[in-house]
N, C-alpha and C. Protein backbone atom coordinates (compact mmCIF):
# COMPACT_ATOMS: atom_id res chain seq x y z
N THR A 1 -21.55 -143.00 182.59
CA THR A 1 -22.80 -142.61 181.96
C THR A 1 -22.61 -142.34 180.46
N MET A 2 -21.43 -141.85 180.06
CA MET A 2 -21.17 -141.63 178.64
C MET A 2 -21.18 -142.94 177.87
N GLN A 3 -20.63 -143.99 178.50
CA GLN A 3 -20.62 -145.29 177.84
C GLN A 3 -22.03 -145.81 177.63
N ARG A 4 -22.88 -145.62 178.61
CA ARG A 4 -24.26 -146.09 178.49
C ARG A 4 -25.00 -145.33 177.39
N LYS A 5 -24.74 -144.02 177.27
CA LYS A 5 -25.36 -143.24 176.20
C LYS A 5 -24.87 -143.73 174.84
N GLY A 6 -23.55 -143.99 174.75
CA GLY A 6 -22.98 -144.49 173.50
C GLY A 6 -23.56 -145.85 173.13
N LEU A 7 -23.70 -146.73 174.11
CA LEU A 7 -24.29 -148.04 173.84
C LEU A 7 -25.75 -147.92 173.43
N ARG A 8 -26.46 -146.97 174.01
CA ARG A 8 -27.87 -146.78 173.63
C ARG A 8 -27.98 -146.34 172.17
N ILE A 9 -27.09 -145.43 171.73
CA ILE A 9 -27.09 -144.98 170.33
C ILE A 9 -26.76 -146.16 169.42
N LEU A 10 -25.75 -146.93 169.78
CA LEU A 10 -25.38 -148.08 168.95
C LEU A 10 -26.50 -149.10 168.87
N LYS A 11 -27.18 -149.34 169.97
CA LYS A 11 -28.28 -150.30 169.95
C LYS A 11 -29.39 -149.84 169.00
N GLU A 12 -29.67 -148.54 168.99
CA GLU A 12 -30.69 -148.02 168.10
C GLU A 12 -30.25 -148.08 166.63
N LEU A 13 -28.94 -147.97 166.37
CA LEU A 13 -28.42 -148.06 165.00
C LEU A 13 -28.61 -149.44 164.41
N VAL A 14 -28.52 -150.46 165.22
CA VAL A 14 -28.56 -151.84 164.71
C VAL A 14 -29.77 -152.63 165.20
N ALA A 15 -30.76 -151.96 165.72
CA ALA A 15 -31.96 -152.65 166.18
C ALA A 15 -32.61 -153.39 165.01
N LEU A 16 -33.01 -154.63 165.26
CA LEU A 16 -33.44 -155.52 164.18
C LEU A 16 -34.63 -154.99 163.39
N HIS A 17 -35.68 -154.61 164.03
CA HIS A 17 -36.89 -154.23 163.29
C HIS A 17 -37.04 -152.73 163.09
N THR A 18 -36.55 -151.93 164.00
CA THR A 18 -36.77 -150.49 163.91
C THR A 18 -35.73 -149.77 163.06
N SER A 19 -34.52 -150.30 162.94
CA SER A 19 -33.49 -149.57 162.20
C SER A 19 -33.64 -149.70 160.68
N ARG A 20 -34.43 -150.64 160.22
CA ARG A 20 -34.57 -150.80 158.76
C ARG A 20 -35.34 -149.67 158.11
N TYR A 21 -36.08 -148.91 158.88
CA TYR A 21 -36.84 -147.79 158.34
C TYR A 21 -36.07 -146.49 158.40
N GLY A 22 -34.83 -146.56 158.84
CA GLY A 22 -33.99 -145.37 158.90
C GLY A 22 -33.81 -144.89 160.32
N PHE A 23 -32.61 -144.54 160.62
CA PHE A 23 -32.28 -144.01 161.94
C PHE A 23 -31.69 -142.64 161.70
N GLU A 24 -32.38 -141.60 162.07
CA GLU A 24 -32.02 -140.24 161.70
C GLU A 24 -31.48 -139.41 162.86
N ASP A 25 -31.01 -140.05 163.92
CA ASP A 25 -30.48 -139.30 165.04
C ASP A 25 -29.14 -138.66 164.66
N ALA A 26 -28.92 -137.43 165.06
CA ALA A 26 -27.69 -136.70 164.71
C ALA A 26 -26.46 -137.37 165.32
N ARG A 27 -26.61 -137.93 166.52
CA ARG A 27 -25.46 -138.60 167.13
C ARG A 27 -25.11 -139.89 166.38
N GLY A 28 -26.11 -140.56 165.86
CA GLY A 28 -25.85 -141.76 165.07
C GLY A 28 -25.13 -141.43 163.77
N LYS A 29 -25.55 -140.34 163.12
CA LYS A 29 -24.87 -139.91 161.89
C LYS A 29 -23.43 -139.51 162.18
N LEU A 30 -23.22 -138.79 163.27
CA LEU A 30 -21.87 -138.38 163.64
C LEU A 30 -20.99 -139.61 163.91
N PHE A 31 -21.55 -140.59 164.62
CA PHE A 31 -20.81 -141.82 164.89
C PHE A 31 -20.42 -142.51 163.58
N MET A 32 -21.36 -142.61 162.65
CA MET A 32 -21.07 -143.28 161.39
C MET A 32 -20.06 -142.49 160.56
N ARG A 33 -20.18 -141.17 160.52
CA ARG A 33 -19.22 -140.36 159.76
C ARG A 33 -17.81 -140.49 160.35
N LEU A 34 -17.72 -140.46 161.66
CA LEU A 34 -16.41 -140.57 162.30
C LEU A 34 -15.79 -141.94 162.07
N THR A 35 -16.59 -143.00 162.14
CA THR A 35 -16.03 -144.34 161.91
C THR A 35 -15.57 -144.50 160.47
N VAL A 36 -16.31 -143.92 159.51
CA VAL A 36 -15.87 -143.98 158.12
C VAL A 36 -14.54 -143.25 157.96
N LEU A 37 -14.42 -142.07 158.54
CA LEU A 37 -13.18 -141.29 158.41
C LEU A 37 -12.00 -141.96 159.11
N VAL A 38 -12.23 -142.51 160.29
CA VAL A 38 -11.14 -143.18 161.01
C VAL A 38 -10.67 -144.40 160.24
N LEU A 39 -11.60 -145.21 159.75
CA LEU A 39 -11.21 -146.38 158.97
C LEU A 39 -10.56 -145.98 157.65
N ASP A 40 -11.03 -144.89 157.08
CA ASP A 40 -10.44 -144.37 155.84
C ASP A 40 -8.98 -144.01 156.04
N VAL A 41 -8.69 -143.30 157.12
CA VAL A 41 -7.31 -142.89 157.38
C VAL A 41 -6.44 -144.08 157.75
N THR A 42 -6.92 -144.94 158.62
CA THR A 42 -6.08 -146.03 159.11
C THR A 42 -5.87 -147.15 158.10
N ILE A 43 -6.85 -147.44 157.28
CA ILE A 43 -6.72 -148.59 156.37
C ILE A 43 -6.47 -148.14 154.94
N TYR A 44 -7.38 -147.35 154.37
CA TYR A 44 -7.27 -147.00 152.95
C TYR A 44 -6.10 -146.05 152.68
N MET A 45 -6.03 -144.94 153.41
CA MET A 45 -4.99 -143.95 153.13
C MET A 45 -3.60 -144.49 153.43
N SER A 46 -3.48 -145.32 154.46
CA SER A 46 -2.16 -145.90 154.75
C SER A 46 -1.73 -146.85 153.64
N ALA A 47 -2.68 -147.62 153.09
CA ALA A 47 -2.35 -148.52 151.98
C ALA A 47 -1.97 -147.74 150.73
N VAL A 48 -2.70 -146.67 150.44
CA VAL A 48 -2.38 -145.84 149.28
C VAL A 48 -1.00 -145.22 149.46
N TRP A 49 -0.68 -144.76 150.66
CA TRP A 49 0.62 -144.15 150.92
C TRP A 49 1.75 -145.16 150.71
N VAL A 50 1.60 -146.36 151.28
CA VAL A 50 2.65 -147.37 151.15
C VAL A 50 2.84 -147.78 149.69
N LEU A 51 1.75 -147.97 148.97
CA LEU A 51 1.87 -148.35 147.56
C LEU A 51 2.44 -147.21 146.72
N ALA A 52 2.09 -145.98 147.03
CA ALA A 52 2.66 -144.85 146.29
C ALA A 52 4.16 -144.76 146.53
N MET A 53 4.58 -144.97 147.76
CA MET A 53 6.01 -144.95 148.07
C MET A 53 6.73 -146.10 147.35
N ARG A 54 6.09 -147.25 147.31
CA ARG A 54 6.70 -148.42 146.67
C ARG A 54 6.77 -148.26 145.15
N LEU A 55 5.72 -147.73 144.56
CA LEU A 55 5.68 -147.58 143.10
C LEU A 55 6.60 -146.49 142.58
N THR A 56 6.91 -145.52 143.41
CA THR A 56 7.75 -144.41 142.96
C THR A 56 9.15 -144.49 143.54
N ALA A 57 9.51 -145.58 144.16
CA ALA A 57 10.85 -145.74 144.72
C ALA A 57 11.88 -145.75 143.60
N GLY A 58 12.97 -145.06 143.81
CA GLY A 58 14.04 -145.04 142.82
C GLY A 58 13.92 -143.96 141.77
N ASP A 59 12.83 -143.20 141.77
CA ASP A 59 12.66 -142.10 140.81
C ASP A 59 13.07 -140.78 141.47
N ASP A 60 14.31 -140.70 141.89
CA ASP A 60 14.75 -139.51 142.62
C ASP A 60 15.53 -138.53 141.76
N THR A 61 15.38 -138.61 140.45
CA THR A 61 16.06 -137.69 139.55
C THR A 61 15.39 -136.32 139.64
N ILE A 62 16.18 -135.30 139.84
CA ILE A 62 15.66 -133.93 139.92
C ILE A 62 15.41 -133.43 138.50
N ILE A 63 14.24 -132.84 138.28
CA ILE A 63 13.91 -132.28 136.98
C ILE A 63 14.66 -130.95 136.84
N ALA A 64 15.40 -130.81 135.77
CA ALA A 64 16.26 -129.62 135.60
C ALA A 64 15.45 -128.38 135.22
N ASN A 65 14.62 -128.47 134.19
CA ASN A 65 13.89 -127.29 133.70
C ASN A 65 12.42 -127.38 134.09
N GLY A 66 11.86 -126.25 134.41
CA GLY A 66 10.43 -126.18 134.68
C GLY A 66 10.03 -126.71 136.05
N ASN A 67 10.96 -126.89 136.95
CA ASN A 67 10.65 -127.41 138.26
C ASN A 67 10.80 -126.29 139.29
N ILE A 68 9.70 -125.69 139.66
CA ILE A 68 9.78 -124.57 140.59
C ILE A 68 9.82 -125.02 142.05
N PHE A 69 9.44 -126.25 142.30
CA PHE A 69 9.40 -126.73 143.68
C PHE A 69 10.63 -127.52 144.08
N GLY A 70 11.49 -127.87 143.12
CA GLY A 70 12.68 -128.64 143.43
C GLY A 70 12.39 -130.09 143.77
N LEU A 71 11.31 -130.62 143.21
CA LEU A 71 10.93 -132.00 143.50
C LEU A 71 11.51 -132.95 142.47
N SER A 72 11.75 -134.17 142.88
CA SER A 72 12.24 -135.18 141.95
C SER A 72 11.06 -135.76 141.16
N ILE A 73 11.38 -136.53 140.14
CA ILE A 73 10.34 -137.17 139.34
C ILE A 73 9.49 -138.08 140.23
N GLY A 74 10.13 -138.82 141.11
CA GLY A 74 9.41 -139.70 142.01
C GLY A 74 8.46 -138.96 142.93
N GLN A 75 8.90 -137.80 143.42
CA GLN A 75 8.04 -137.01 144.30
C GLN A 75 6.84 -136.45 143.54
N HIS A 76 7.05 -136.02 142.29
CA HIS A 76 5.93 -135.57 141.47
C HIS A 76 4.93 -136.71 141.25
N ARG A 77 5.43 -137.86 140.87
CA ARG A 77 4.56 -139.01 140.64
C ARG A 77 3.83 -139.41 141.91
N ARG A 78 4.54 -139.40 143.02
CA ARG A 78 3.93 -139.77 144.31
C ARG A 78 2.80 -138.82 144.66
N ILE A 79 3.02 -137.52 144.48
CA ILE A 79 1.99 -136.53 144.81
C ILE A 79 0.77 -136.73 143.92
N TRP A 80 0.98 -136.92 142.61
CA TRP A 80 -0.15 -137.12 141.71
C TRP A 80 -0.87 -138.43 142.00
N LEU A 81 -0.15 -139.47 142.32
CA LEU A 81 -0.77 -140.74 142.66
C LEU A 81 -1.62 -140.60 143.91
N LEU A 82 -1.08 -139.96 144.93
CA LEU A 82 -1.82 -139.75 146.18
C LEU A 82 -3.04 -138.88 145.97
N LEU A 83 -2.88 -137.77 145.24
CA LEU A 83 -4.02 -136.88 144.99
C LEU A 83 -5.11 -137.58 144.19
N THR A 84 -4.71 -138.35 143.20
CA THR A 84 -5.70 -139.06 142.39
C THR A 84 -6.47 -140.09 143.21
N ALA A 85 -5.76 -140.84 144.03
CA ALA A 85 -6.42 -141.89 144.81
C ALA A 85 -7.25 -141.34 145.97
N LEU A 86 -6.75 -140.29 146.61
CA LEU A 86 -7.42 -139.81 147.81
C LEU A 86 -8.53 -138.80 147.55
N THR A 87 -8.55 -138.19 146.37
CA THR A 87 -9.60 -137.22 146.07
C THR A 87 -10.56 -137.74 145.00
N GLN A 88 -10.65 -139.01 144.86
CA GLN A 88 -11.56 -139.61 143.88
C GLN A 88 -13.00 -139.28 144.27
N PRO A 89 -13.76 -138.60 143.41
CA PRO A 89 -15.09 -138.11 143.80
C PRO A 89 -16.07 -139.19 144.25
N ALA A 90 -16.07 -140.33 143.61
CA ALA A 90 -17.01 -141.38 144.00
C ALA A 90 -16.75 -141.85 145.43
N ILE A 91 -15.51 -141.96 145.79
CA ILE A 91 -15.19 -142.38 147.15
C ILE A 91 -15.63 -141.32 148.15
N ILE A 92 -15.37 -140.07 147.85
CA ILE A 92 -15.73 -139.00 148.77
C ILE A 92 -17.25 -138.92 148.92
N LEU A 93 -17.96 -138.95 147.82
CA LEU A 93 -19.43 -138.81 147.88
C LEU A 93 -20.11 -140.03 148.47
N ILE A 94 -19.72 -141.21 148.05
CA ILE A 94 -20.43 -142.42 148.49
C ILE A 94 -19.99 -142.83 149.89
N ASP A 95 -18.70 -142.92 150.13
CA ASP A 95 -18.24 -143.39 151.43
C ASP A 95 -18.49 -142.38 152.54
N HIS A 96 -18.16 -141.13 152.29
CA HIS A 96 -18.27 -140.15 153.36
C HIS A 96 -19.66 -139.54 153.44
N GLY A 97 -20.45 -139.67 152.41
CA GLY A 97 -21.80 -139.13 152.43
C GLY A 97 -22.87 -140.16 152.79
N HIS A 98 -22.66 -141.40 152.37
CA HIS A 98 -23.69 -142.42 152.57
C HIS A 98 -23.21 -143.59 153.42
N PHE A 99 -22.04 -143.48 154.03
CA PHE A 99 -21.55 -144.47 155.00
C PHE A 99 -21.46 -145.87 154.42
N GLN A 100 -20.88 -146.02 153.25
CA GLN A 100 -20.82 -147.33 152.62
C GLN A 100 -19.58 -148.14 153.02
N TYR A 101 -18.58 -147.54 153.58
CA TYR A 101 -17.36 -148.20 154.04
C TYR A 101 -16.63 -148.93 152.91
N ASN A 102 -16.76 -148.43 151.68
CA ASN A 102 -16.06 -149.05 150.55
C ASN A 102 -14.55 -148.89 150.66
N THR A 103 -14.09 -147.79 151.21
CA THR A 103 -12.65 -147.58 151.31
C THR A 103 -12.00 -148.55 152.29
N THR A 104 -12.75 -149.02 153.26
CA THR A 104 -12.20 -150.02 154.17
C THR A 104 -11.91 -151.30 153.41
N SER A 105 -12.86 -151.72 152.61
CA SER A 105 -12.67 -152.93 151.80
C SER A 105 -11.57 -152.72 150.76
N LEU A 106 -11.56 -151.57 150.11
CA LEU A 106 -10.51 -151.29 149.12
C LEU A 106 -9.14 -151.19 149.78
N GLY A 107 -9.08 -150.61 150.97
CA GLY A 107 -7.81 -150.53 151.69
C GLY A 107 -7.27 -151.90 152.05
N LEU A 108 -8.15 -152.78 152.52
CA LEU A 108 -7.72 -154.15 152.82
C LEU A 108 -7.25 -154.86 151.55
N ALA A 109 -7.95 -154.62 150.44
CA ALA A 109 -7.52 -155.22 149.17
C ALA A 109 -6.18 -154.66 148.72
N LEU A 110 -5.96 -153.35 148.88
CA LEU A 110 -4.67 -152.76 148.52
C LEU A 110 -3.55 -153.33 149.38
N TRP A 111 -3.81 -153.50 150.69
CA TRP A 111 -2.80 -154.12 151.54
C TRP A 111 -2.52 -155.55 151.06
N SER A 112 -3.56 -156.26 150.66
CA SER A 112 -3.34 -157.64 150.18
C SER A 112 -2.50 -157.64 148.90
N PHE A 113 -2.77 -156.71 147.98
CA PHE A 113 -1.98 -156.64 146.75
C PHE A 113 -0.54 -156.28 147.06
N HIS A 114 -0.34 -155.40 148.02
CA HIS A 114 1.01 -155.03 148.41
C HIS A 114 1.79 -156.26 148.90
N PHE A 115 1.20 -157.01 149.82
CA PHE A 115 1.91 -158.15 150.37
C PHE A 115 2.05 -159.29 149.36
N MET A 116 1.05 -159.50 148.53
CA MET A 116 1.12 -160.59 147.55
C MET A 116 2.25 -160.39 146.55
N THR A 117 2.54 -159.16 146.23
CA THR A 117 3.54 -158.89 145.19
C THR A 117 4.95 -158.71 145.75
N LEU A 118 5.12 -158.87 147.05
CA LEU A 118 6.46 -158.79 147.63
C LEU A 118 7.23 -160.07 147.30
N ASP A 119 8.47 -159.91 146.91
CA ASP A 119 9.32 -161.07 146.63
C ASP A 119 10.21 -161.42 147.81
N VAL A 120 10.18 -160.61 148.83
CA VAL A 120 11.03 -160.86 149.99
C VAL A 120 10.15 -160.95 151.23
N ASN A 121 10.68 -161.58 152.26
CA ASN A 121 9.99 -161.67 153.54
C ASN A 121 9.95 -160.28 154.16
N PRO A 122 8.77 -159.71 154.37
CA PRO A 122 8.69 -158.33 154.84
C PRO A 122 9.12 -158.15 156.29
N PHE A 123 9.29 -159.24 157.04
CA PHE A 123 9.60 -159.12 158.46
C PHE A 123 11.07 -159.35 158.79
N LEU A 124 11.88 -159.64 157.78
CA LEU A 124 13.31 -159.83 158.01
C LEU A 124 14.08 -158.65 157.46
N ARG A 125 15.14 -158.27 158.16
CA ARG A 125 15.99 -157.20 157.69
C ARG A 125 16.99 -157.75 156.68
N GLU A 126 17.63 -156.86 155.95
CA GLU A 126 18.63 -157.29 154.96
C GLU A 126 19.82 -157.97 155.60
N SER A 127 20.10 -157.65 156.86
CA SER A 127 21.25 -158.25 157.53
C SER A 127 20.95 -159.67 158.00
N ASP A 128 19.67 -160.05 158.05
CA ASP A 128 19.32 -161.41 158.45
C ASP A 128 19.70 -162.39 157.35
N ASN A 129 19.40 -163.63 157.56
CA ASN A 129 19.73 -164.70 156.62
C ASN A 129 19.19 -164.37 155.23
N PRO A 130 20.06 -164.15 154.22
CA PRO A 130 19.58 -163.78 152.88
C PRO A 130 18.69 -164.84 152.25
N ALA A 131 18.98 -166.10 152.49
CA ALA A 131 18.16 -167.17 151.90
C ALA A 131 16.75 -167.13 152.47
N ALA A 132 16.64 -166.90 153.77
CA ALA A 132 15.31 -166.83 154.39
C ALA A 132 14.59 -165.56 153.99
N ARG A 133 15.33 -164.46 153.82
CA ARG A 133 14.71 -163.19 153.45
C ARG A 133 14.12 -163.25 152.06
N ASN A 134 14.72 -163.99 151.15
CA ASN A 134 14.26 -164.04 149.77
C ASN A 134 13.17 -165.07 149.53
N THR A 135 12.64 -165.69 150.56
CA THR A 135 11.53 -166.60 150.34
C THR A 135 10.28 -165.78 150.05
N SER A 136 9.53 -166.21 149.11
CA SER A 136 8.35 -165.44 148.70
C SER A 136 7.06 -166.07 149.20
N PHE A 137 7.13 -166.95 150.18
CA PHE A 137 5.94 -167.65 150.66
C PHE A 137 5.11 -166.79 151.61
N LEU A 138 5.77 -166.04 152.47
CA LEU A 138 5.06 -165.31 153.51
C LEU A 138 4.22 -164.16 152.97
N GLY A 139 4.72 -163.45 151.96
CA GLY A 139 3.97 -162.33 151.40
C GLY A 139 2.61 -162.73 150.84
N PRO A 140 2.54 -163.77 149.99
CA PRO A 140 1.22 -164.20 149.50
C PRO A 140 0.29 -164.71 150.60
N VAL A 141 0.85 -165.30 151.65
CA VAL A 141 0.00 -165.77 152.75
C VAL A 141 -0.63 -164.58 153.47
N ILE A 142 0.20 -163.58 153.79
CA ILE A 142 -0.32 -162.38 154.44
C ILE A 142 -1.30 -161.66 153.51
N GLY A 143 -0.96 -161.57 152.23
CA GLY A 143 -1.86 -160.96 151.26
C GLY A 143 -3.18 -161.69 151.15
N SER A 144 -3.15 -163.00 151.20
CA SER A 144 -4.38 -163.79 151.14
C SER A 144 -5.25 -163.55 152.36
N ILE A 145 -4.62 -163.40 153.52
CA ILE A 145 -5.38 -163.10 154.74
C ILE A 145 -6.06 -161.73 154.61
N PHE A 146 -5.30 -160.74 154.13
CA PHE A 146 -5.90 -159.41 153.93
C PHE A 146 -7.02 -159.45 152.90
N PHE A 147 -6.83 -160.22 151.82
CA PHE A 147 -7.89 -160.29 150.81
C PHE A 147 -9.12 -161.00 151.37
N SER A 148 -8.93 -162.01 152.17
CA SER A 148 -10.07 -162.68 152.81
C SER A 148 -10.81 -161.72 153.73
N LEU A 149 -10.06 -160.90 154.46
CA LEU A 149 -10.70 -159.89 155.31
C LEU A 149 -11.50 -158.90 154.46
N ALA A 150 -10.92 -158.47 153.34
CA ALA A 150 -11.62 -157.53 152.46
C ALA A 150 -12.88 -158.16 151.88
N LEU A 151 -12.77 -159.41 151.47
CA LEU A 151 -13.91 -160.11 150.89
C LEU A 151 -15.01 -160.33 151.92
N ASN A 152 -14.64 -160.65 153.14
CA ASN A 152 -15.63 -160.84 154.18
C ASN A 152 -16.21 -159.52 154.66
N PHE A 153 -15.45 -158.44 154.53
CA PHE A 153 -15.95 -157.14 154.94
C PHE A 153 -17.01 -156.63 153.97
N LYS A 154 -16.75 -156.78 152.69
CA LYS A 154 -17.68 -156.30 151.67
C LYS A 154 -17.54 -157.17 150.43
N GLN A 155 -18.64 -157.68 149.95
CA GLN A 155 -18.59 -158.64 148.85
C GLN A 155 -18.24 -158.00 147.51
N MET A 156 -18.10 -156.70 147.46
CA MET A 156 -17.71 -156.07 146.19
C MET A 156 -16.30 -156.50 145.79
N GLU A 157 -15.53 -157.05 146.72
CA GLU A 157 -14.19 -157.54 146.40
C GLU A 157 -14.23 -158.78 145.51
N LEU A 158 -15.41 -159.33 145.29
CA LEU A 158 -15.54 -160.45 144.35
C LEU A 158 -15.11 -160.03 142.95
N TYR A 159 -15.19 -158.72 142.66
CA TYR A 159 -14.72 -158.23 141.36
C TYR A 159 -13.22 -158.46 141.19
N HIS A 160 -12.48 -158.38 142.29
CA HIS A 160 -11.02 -158.58 142.24
C HIS A 160 -10.62 -160.04 142.38
N ALA A 161 -11.53 -160.89 142.82
CA ALA A 161 -11.19 -162.28 143.13
C ALA A 161 -10.60 -163.07 141.95
N PRO A 162 -11.13 -162.97 140.72
CA PRO A 162 -10.51 -163.73 139.62
C PRO A 162 -9.06 -163.32 139.37
N ALA A 163 -8.78 -162.03 139.45
CA ALA A 163 -7.40 -161.57 139.24
C ALA A 163 -6.49 -162.05 140.36
N VAL A 164 -6.96 -162.02 141.60
CA VAL A 164 -6.16 -162.50 142.72
C VAL A 164 -5.90 -164.00 142.58
N PHE A 165 -6.93 -164.75 142.21
CA PHE A 165 -6.77 -166.19 142.01
C PHE A 165 -5.74 -166.47 140.91
N ALA A 166 -5.85 -165.79 139.79
CA ALA A 166 -4.92 -166.01 138.68
C ALA A 166 -3.50 -165.63 139.08
N TYR A 167 -3.35 -164.54 139.82
CA TYR A 167 -2.02 -164.12 140.24
C TYR A 167 -1.39 -165.16 141.18
N LEU A 168 -2.16 -165.60 142.17
CA LEU A 168 -1.62 -166.57 143.12
C LEU A 168 -1.33 -167.91 142.46
N LEU A 169 -2.17 -168.31 141.52
CA LEU A 169 -1.91 -169.55 140.78
C LEU A 169 -0.65 -169.41 139.95
N GLY A 170 -0.46 -168.26 139.32
CA GLY A 170 0.75 -168.01 138.55
C GLY A 170 2.00 -168.04 139.42
N ARG A 171 1.89 -167.55 140.65
CA ARG A 171 3.05 -167.59 141.56
C ARG A 171 3.40 -169.02 141.93
N CYS A 172 2.41 -169.90 141.96
CA CYS A 172 2.69 -171.30 142.28
C CYS A 172 3.56 -171.95 141.21
N PHE A 173 3.39 -171.54 139.96
CA PHE A 173 4.12 -172.14 138.85
C PHE A 173 5.34 -171.33 138.42
N ARG A 174 5.59 -170.23 139.08
CA ARG A 174 6.72 -169.39 138.73
C ARG A 174 8.02 -170.06 139.16
N LYS A 175 9.01 -169.98 138.32
CA LYS A 175 10.32 -170.55 138.66
C LYS A 175 11.02 -169.63 139.64
N LYS A 176 11.78 -170.24 140.53
CA LYS A 176 12.52 -169.45 141.51
C LYS A 176 13.63 -168.69 140.82
N ARG A 177 13.88 -167.48 141.28
CA ARG A 177 14.96 -166.66 140.73
C ARG A 177 16.29 -167.15 141.28
N GLY A 178 17.32 -166.97 140.48
CA GLY A 178 18.64 -167.30 140.95
C GLY A 178 19.06 -168.73 140.68
N ARG A 179 18.18 -169.55 140.12
CA ARG A 179 18.56 -170.91 139.80
C ARG A 179 19.10 -170.95 138.39
N SER A 180 20.08 -171.76 138.18
CA SER A 180 20.66 -171.84 136.84
C SER A 180 19.75 -172.65 135.93
N SER A 181 19.95 -172.54 134.64
CA SER A 181 19.12 -173.27 133.70
C SER A 181 19.35 -174.77 133.81
N ASN A 182 20.54 -175.19 134.23
CA ASN A 182 20.82 -176.61 134.41
C ASN A 182 20.01 -177.17 135.57
N GLU A 183 19.88 -176.41 136.65
CA GLU A 183 19.09 -176.86 137.80
C GLU A 183 17.63 -176.95 137.43
N ASN A 184 17.12 -175.98 136.64
CA ASN A 184 15.72 -176.00 136.23
C ASN A 184 15.44 -177.19 135.33
N SER A 185 16.34 -177.50 134.39
CA SER A 185 16.10 -178.62 133.48
C SER A 185 16.28 -179.95 134.20
N ALA A 186 17.12 -180.02 135.23
CA ALA A 186 17.31 -181.27 135.98
C ALA A 186 16.07 -181.56 136.82
N ASN A 187 15.39 -180.53 137.28
CA ASN A 187 14.20 -180.74 138.11
C ASN A 187 12.97 -181.09 137.29
N ASN A 188 13.00 -180.84 135.98
CA ASN A 188 11.82 -181.12 135.15
C ASN A 188 11.79 -182.52 134.67
C-alpha cells in the first residue's frame, strides 16, 4: 500500500495538464527535497571531494607557525575548497529551495572534467602493465560520457561545451609523453 501511495504522489507531480499550475502537496515537496539532497550528496559532493583530494595531493607540508590545528597546507586548502564549493549560497538557495537539480548536472560535469584530465587509465593499478596504464584514451572517453549525461540532464551545461570541445580537440593533437625528439620528428 505504501508503494501505491508513493506512485499516486509521483503521478500527481508529473501529470500532463494539472501539474503545470503547481503541485503544492507536502508529500510532493518532501519527495522533491529528498531527491535533490540525495543526488547532491551522491553526485555533486562526491565529485567535489574527489577533485579537492586530487588538487591538493602532495601538499602535506606542516605549517610551522600559526597552525593551531596541526594541519598541513594541503589539508587547509582542501577544507577551504570543500567549504567554498559546498556552501555556495546560490546552490543552496536555488537547488535546495526551488528543486532545480543544478548540482546534479554540475556534479556530472565535475566527474567528466576529472576523468578527461586523467593521464593514466583509472582502472589499472600501478603494478599492472605500465604501458597500458599510461594510455590516456580511456579517461577522455569516460569523461565524454559523463559530460553527455550532464548535458542531457540539464542544458545549462552548454556553457561548458566550448571549453570541453577545445580541451578534447587539444588532447587529440597533443604529443605523447616519453617519446624522444627524434621519434617525434621522424613521425612528422
